[in-house]
Amino acid sequence: MKKIFVMLLFSFLIWDCTSQTTASAPENNKEENSLKLEKNDEDEYDIIVLDPQYETYLKSIAMPMNHYSEQYYKSKNEIYVTEWNIRHAQPMRYDPDFYAVSIDYNPQTDYGIKLEYKLYNFFQFINWKYKVNLGFDR
């Protein structure tokens, strides 16, 4: 009986330690993956992503801005934003903490290539870091 108790205690201890050290999944990252589209002082649109790894991703992993056309980024962003907002609107089906913010994106607005590029790469970053697929084709 004593051996069983020790084995159960040991198993629980191992399980408890491993559950705390696993890689961060989308849950509980409400602030990390949040983003906002806003105009800056120069009357240009920009996005703010609260995850500090995003800027590193942009500088080291993302393709250069001129790799695709602005129209390419815009068409992809329309698809990704639509899917993101669908998931945001369904908290019983998708993690409400991960999809905590809806993205106010209007494809008719001329945001400029810089914002389109950064928004596109936000979705690529989410796919890369959290393995969240929003309909990516690559």
C-alpha atoms as a PDB file:
ATOM      1  CA  MET A   1       0.000   0.000   0.000  1.00  0.00           C
ATOM      2  CA  LYS A   2       2.844   2.341   0.849  1.00  0.00           C
ATOM      3  CA  LYS A   3       4.509   1.664  -2.538  1.00  0.00           C
ATOM      4  CA  ILE A   4       1.282   2.466  -4.389  1.00  0.00           C
ATOM      5  CA  PHE A   5       0.928   5.735  -2.481  1.00  0.00           C
ATOM      6  CA  VAL A   6       4.537   6.715  -3.248  1.00  0.00           C
ATOM      7  CA  MET A   7       4.100   5.815  -6.932  1.00  0.00           C
ATOM      8  CA  LEU A   8       0.888   7.839  -7.160  1.00  0.00           C
ATOM      9  CA  LEU A   9       2.516  10.784  -5.428  1.00  0.00           C
ATOM     10  CA  PHE A  10       5.537  10.547  -7.724  1.00  0.00           C
ATOM     11  CA  SER A  11       3.315  10.306 -10.822  1.00  0.00           C
ATOM     12  CA  PHE A  12       1.288  13.312  -9.736  1.00  0.00           C
ATOM     13  CA  LEU A  13       4.458  15.280  -9.062  1.00  0.00           C
ATOM     14  CA  ILE A  14       5.833  14.500 -12.536  1.00  0.00           C
ATOM     15  CA  TRP A  15       2.504  15.332 -14.172  1.00  0.00           C
ATOM     16  CA  ASP A  16       2.266  18.610 -12.245  1.00  0.00           C
ATOM     17  CA  CYS A  17       5.776  19.687 -13.213  1.00  0.00           C
ATOM     18  CA  THR A  18       5.390  18.826 -16.882  1.00  0.00           C
ATOM     19  CA  SER A  19       2.051  20.596 -17.184  1.00  0.00           C
ATOM     20  CA  GLN A  20       3.654  23.839 -16.020  1.00  0.00           C
ATOM     21  CA  THR A  21       6.620  23.696 -18.393  1.00  0.00           C
ATOM     22  CA  THR A  22       4.865  22.957 -21.673  1.00  0.00           C
ATOM     23  CA  ALA A  23       5.094  25.508 -24.460  1.00  0.00           C
ATOM     24  CA  SER A  24       2.532  28.264 -24.223  1.00  0.00           C
ATOM     25  CA  ALA A  25      -0.590  27.432 -26.151  1.00  0.00           C
ATOM     26  CA  PRO A  26      -3.089  30.026 -27.350  1.00  0.00           C
ATOM     27  CA  GLU A  27      -4.982  30.074 -24.072  1.00  0.00           C
ATOM     28  CA  ASN A  28      -4.198  32.825 -21.591  1.00  0.00           C
ATOM     29  CA  ASN A  29      -2.457  34.937 -24.233  1.00  0.00           C
ATOM     30  CA  LYS A  30      -5.202  37.519 -24.522  1.00  0.00           C
ATOM     31  CA  GLU A  31      -2.837  40.450 -24.356  1.00  0.00           C
ATOM     32  CA  GLU A  32       0.053  38.830 -26.193  1.00  0.00           C
ATOM     33  CA  ASN A  33      -1.716  38.279 -29.486  1.00  0.00           C
ATOM     34  CA  SER A  34      -3.912  41.375 -29.371  1.00  0.00           C
ATOM     35  CA  LEU A  35      -3.524  43.975 -32.040  1.00  0.00           C
ATOM     36  CA  LYS A  36      -4.981  47.362 -32.899  1.00  0.00           C
ATOM     37  CA  LEU A  37      -5.115  49.306 -36.146  1.00  0.00           C
ATOM     38  CA  GLU A  38      -4.675  53.016 -35.562  1.00  0.00           C
ATOM     39  CA  LYS A  39      -3.513  56.209 -37.241  1.00  0.00           C
ATOM     40  CA  ASN A  40      -0.231  57.682 -36.082  1.00  0.00           C
ATOM     41  CA  ASP A  41       0.868  61.324 -35.954  1.00  0.00           C
ATOM     42  CA  GLU A  42       1.854  61.322 -39.645  1.00  0.00           C
ATOM     43  CA  ASP A  43      -1.746  60.342 -40.537  1.00  0.00           C
ATOM     44  CA  GLU A  44      -0.583  56.839 -41.509  1.00  0.00           C
ATOM     45  CA  TYR A  45      -2.143  53.638 -40.270  1.00  0.00           C
ATOM     46  CA  ASP A  46      -0.110  51.292 -38.121  1.00  0.00           C
ATOM     47  CA  ILE A  47      -0.751  48.186 -36.069  1.00  0.00           C
ATOM     48  CA  ILE A  48       0.215  47.524 -32.507  1.00  0.00           C
ATOM     49  CA  VAL A  49       0.924  43.919 -31.551  1.00  0.00           C
ATOM     50  CA  LEU A  50       1.537  43.335 -27.877  1.00  0.00           C
ATOM     51  CA  ASP A  51       3.565  40.147 -28.268  1.00  0.00           C
ATOM     52  CA  PRO A  52       7.255  41.153 -28.105  1.00  0.00           C
ATOM     53  CA  GLN A  53       8.235  38.239 -30.377  1.00  0.00           C
ATOM     54  CA  TYR A  54       6.255  39.752 -33.249  1.00  0.00           C
ATOM     55  CA  GLU A  55       8.861  42.447 -33.991  1.00  0.00           C
ATOM     56  CA  THR A  56      11.604  39.824 -33.899  1.00  0.00           C
ATOM     57  CA  TYR A  57       9.559  37.683 -36.282  1.00  0.00           C
ATOM     58  CA  LEU A  58       9.165  40.634 -38.675  1.00  0.00           C
ATOM     59  CA  LYS A  59      12.899  41.318 -38.697  1.00  0.00           C
ATOM     60  CA  SER A  60      14.215  37.771 -38.859  1.00  0.00           C
ATOM     61  CA  ILE A  61      11.654  35.357 -40.339  1.00  0.00           C
ATOM     62  CA  ALA A  62       9.125  37.323 -42.404  1.00  0.00           C
ATOM     63  CA  MET A  63       9.713  37.882 -46.094  1.00  0.00           C
ATOM     64  CA  PRO A  64      10.770  41.425 -47.056  1.00  0.00           C
ATOM     65  CA  MET A  65       7.932  43.911 -47.544  1.00  0.00           C
ATOM     66  CA  ASN A  66       8.363  44.078 -51.318  1.00  0.00           C
ATOM     67  CA  HIS A  67       8.170  40.283 -51.711  1.00  0.00           C
ATOM     68  CA  TYR A  68       4.437  40.513 -52.527  1.00  0.00           C
ATOM     69  CA  SER A  69       2.340  43.341 -53.919  1.00  0.00           C
ATOM     70  CA  GLU A  70       0.096  45.500 -51.772  1.00  0.00           C
ATOM     71  CA  GLN A  71      -2.908  43.934 -53.526  1.00  0.00           C
ATOM     72  CA  TYR A  72      -1.697  40.454 -52.554  1.00  0.00           C
ATOM     73  CA  TYR A  73      -1.396  41.464 -48.892  1.00  0.00           C
ATOM     74  CA  LYS A  74      -4.784  43.178 -49.023  1.00  0.00           C
ATOM     75  CA  SER A  75      -6.581  40.144 -50.478  1.00  0.00           C
ATOM     76  CA  LYS A  76      -4.973  37.765 -47.970  1.00  0.00           C
ATOM     77  CA  ASN A  77      -5.725  40.119 -45.083  1.00  0.00           C
ATOM     78  CA  GLU A  78      -9.371  40.254 -46.061  1.00  0.00           C
ATOM     79  CA  ILE A  79      -9.580  36.450 -45.839  1.00  0.00           C
ATOM     80  CA  TYR A  80      -7.630  36.202 -42.578  1.00  0.00           C
ATOM     81  CA  VAL A  81      -9.443  39.066 -40.851  1.00  0.00           C
ATOM     82  CA  THR A  82     -12.808  37.596 -41.839  1.00  0.00           C
ATOM     83  CA  GLU A  83     -11.862  34.200 -40.400  1.00  0.00           C
ATOM     84  CA  TRP A  84     -10.386  35.812 -37.266  1.00  0.00           C
ATOM     85  CA  ASN A  85     -13.563  37.829 -36.650  1.00  0.00           C
ATOM     86  CA  ILE A  86     -15.742  34.751 -37.225  1.00  0.00           C
ATOM     87  CA  ARG A  87     -13.763  32.965 -34.533  1.00  0.00           C
ATOM     88  CA  HIS A  88     -13.963  36.019 -32.281  1.00  0.00           C
ATOM     89  CA  ALA A  89     -17.762  35.978 -32.619  1.00  0.00           C
ATOM     90  CA  GLN A  90     -17.996  32.309 -31.562  1.00  0.00           C
ATOM     91  CA  PRO A  91     -16.551  32.138 -28.026  1.00  0.00           C
ATOM     92  CA  MET A  92     -18.257  28.817 -27.307  1.00  0.00           C
ATOM     93  CA  ARG A  93     -16.450  27.213 -30.242  1.00  0.00           C
ATOM     94  CA  TYR A  94     -13.102  29.063 -30.259  1.00  0.00           C
ATOM     95  CA  ASP A  95     -10.953  30.157 -27.336  1.00  0.00           C
ATOM     96  CA  PRO A  96     -12.391  33.545 -26.265  1.00  0.00           C
ATOM     97  CA  ASP A  97      -9.098  34.558 -24.657  1.00  0.00           C
ATOM     98  CA  PHE A  98      -7.101  33.936 -27.817  1.00  0.00           C
ATOM     99  CA  TYR A  99      -9.607  35.637 -30.136  1.00  0.00           C
ATOM    100  CA  ALA A 100     -10.384  38.324 -27.565  1.00  0.00           C
ATOM    101  CA  VAL A 101     -10.350  41.262 -29.964  1.00  0.00           C
ATOM    102  CA  SER A 102     -12.127  41.661 -33.248  1.00  0.00           C
ATOM    103  CA  ILE A 103     -10.083  43.317 -35.974  1.00  0.00           C
ATOM    104  CA  ASP A 104     -11.632  46.464 -37.416  1.00  0.00           C
ATOM    105  CA  TYR A 105     -10.334  46.145 -40.973  1.00  0.00           C
ATOM    106  CA  ASN A 106     -12.054  47.593 -44.023  1.00  0.00           C
ATOM    107  CA  PRO A 107     -10.681  46.291 -47.341  1.00  0.00           C
ATOM    108  CA  GLN A 108     -12.013  49.447 -49.049  1.00  0.00           C
ATOM    109  CA  THR A 109      -9.675  51.631 -46.957  1.00  0.00           C
ATOM    110  CA  ASP A 110      -6.216  52.445 -48.307  1.00  0.00           C
ATOM    111  CA  TYR A 111      -4.042  51.536 -45.337  1.00  0.00           C
ATOM    112  CA  GLY A 112      -0.813  51.514 -47.338  1.00  0.00           C
ATOM    113  CA  ILE A 113       1.574  48.660 -48.006  1.00  0.00           C
ATOM    114  CA  LYS A 114       3.322  48.980 -44.641  1.00  0.00           C
ATOM    115  CA  LEU A 115       0.166  48.211 -42.654  1.00  0.00           C
ATOM    116  CA  GLU A 116      -0.992  45.537 -45.091  1.00  0.00           C
ATOM    117  CA  TYR A 117       2.431  43.878 -44.781  1.00  0.00           C
ATOM    118  CA  LYS A 118       2.460  44.047 -40.988  1.00  0.00           C
ATOM    119  CA  LEU A 119      -1.117  42.753 -40.695  1.00  0.00           C
ATOM    120  CA  TYR A 120      -0.408  39.897 -43.105  1.00  0.00           C
ATOM    121  CA  ASN A 121       2.648  38.983 -41.067  1.00  0.00           C
ATOM    122  CA  PHE A 122       0.649  39.142 -37.837  1.00  0.00           C
ATOM    123  CA  PHE A 123      -1.381  36.214 -39.152  1.00  0.00           C
ATOM    124  CA  GLN A 124       1.758  34.447 -40.359  1.00  0.00           C
ATOM    125  CA  PHE A 125       3.246  34.990 -36.889  1.00  0.00           C
ATOM    126  CA  ILE A 126       0.138  33.539 -35.202  1.00  0.00           C
ATOM    127  CA  ASN A 127       0.441  30.508 -37.448  1.00  0.00           C
ATOM    128  CA  TRP A 128       4.170  30.193 -36.762  1.00  0.00           C
ATOM    129  CA  LYS A 129       4.061  30.678 -32.994  1.00  0.00           C
ATOM    130  CA  TYR A 130       0.727  29.146 -31.995  1.00  0.00           C
ATOM    131  CA  LYS A 131       0.120  26.803 -34.962  1.00  0.00           C
ATOM    132  CA  VAL A 132      -3.271  28.461 -35.528  1.00  0.00           C
ATOM    133  CA  ASN A 133      -4.372  27.937 -39.116  1.00  0.00           C
ATOM    134  CA  LEU A 134      -6.724  30.582 -40.494  1.00  0.00           C
ATOM    135  CA  GLY A 135      -6.793  29.066 -43.960  1.00  0.00           C
ATOM    136  CA  PHE A 136      -3.132  29.506 -44.814  1.00  0.00           C
ATOM    137  CA  ASP A 137      -2.093  28.117 -48.145  1.00  0.00           C
ATOM    138  CA  ARG A 138       1.598  27.714 -47.482  1.00  0.00           C
END
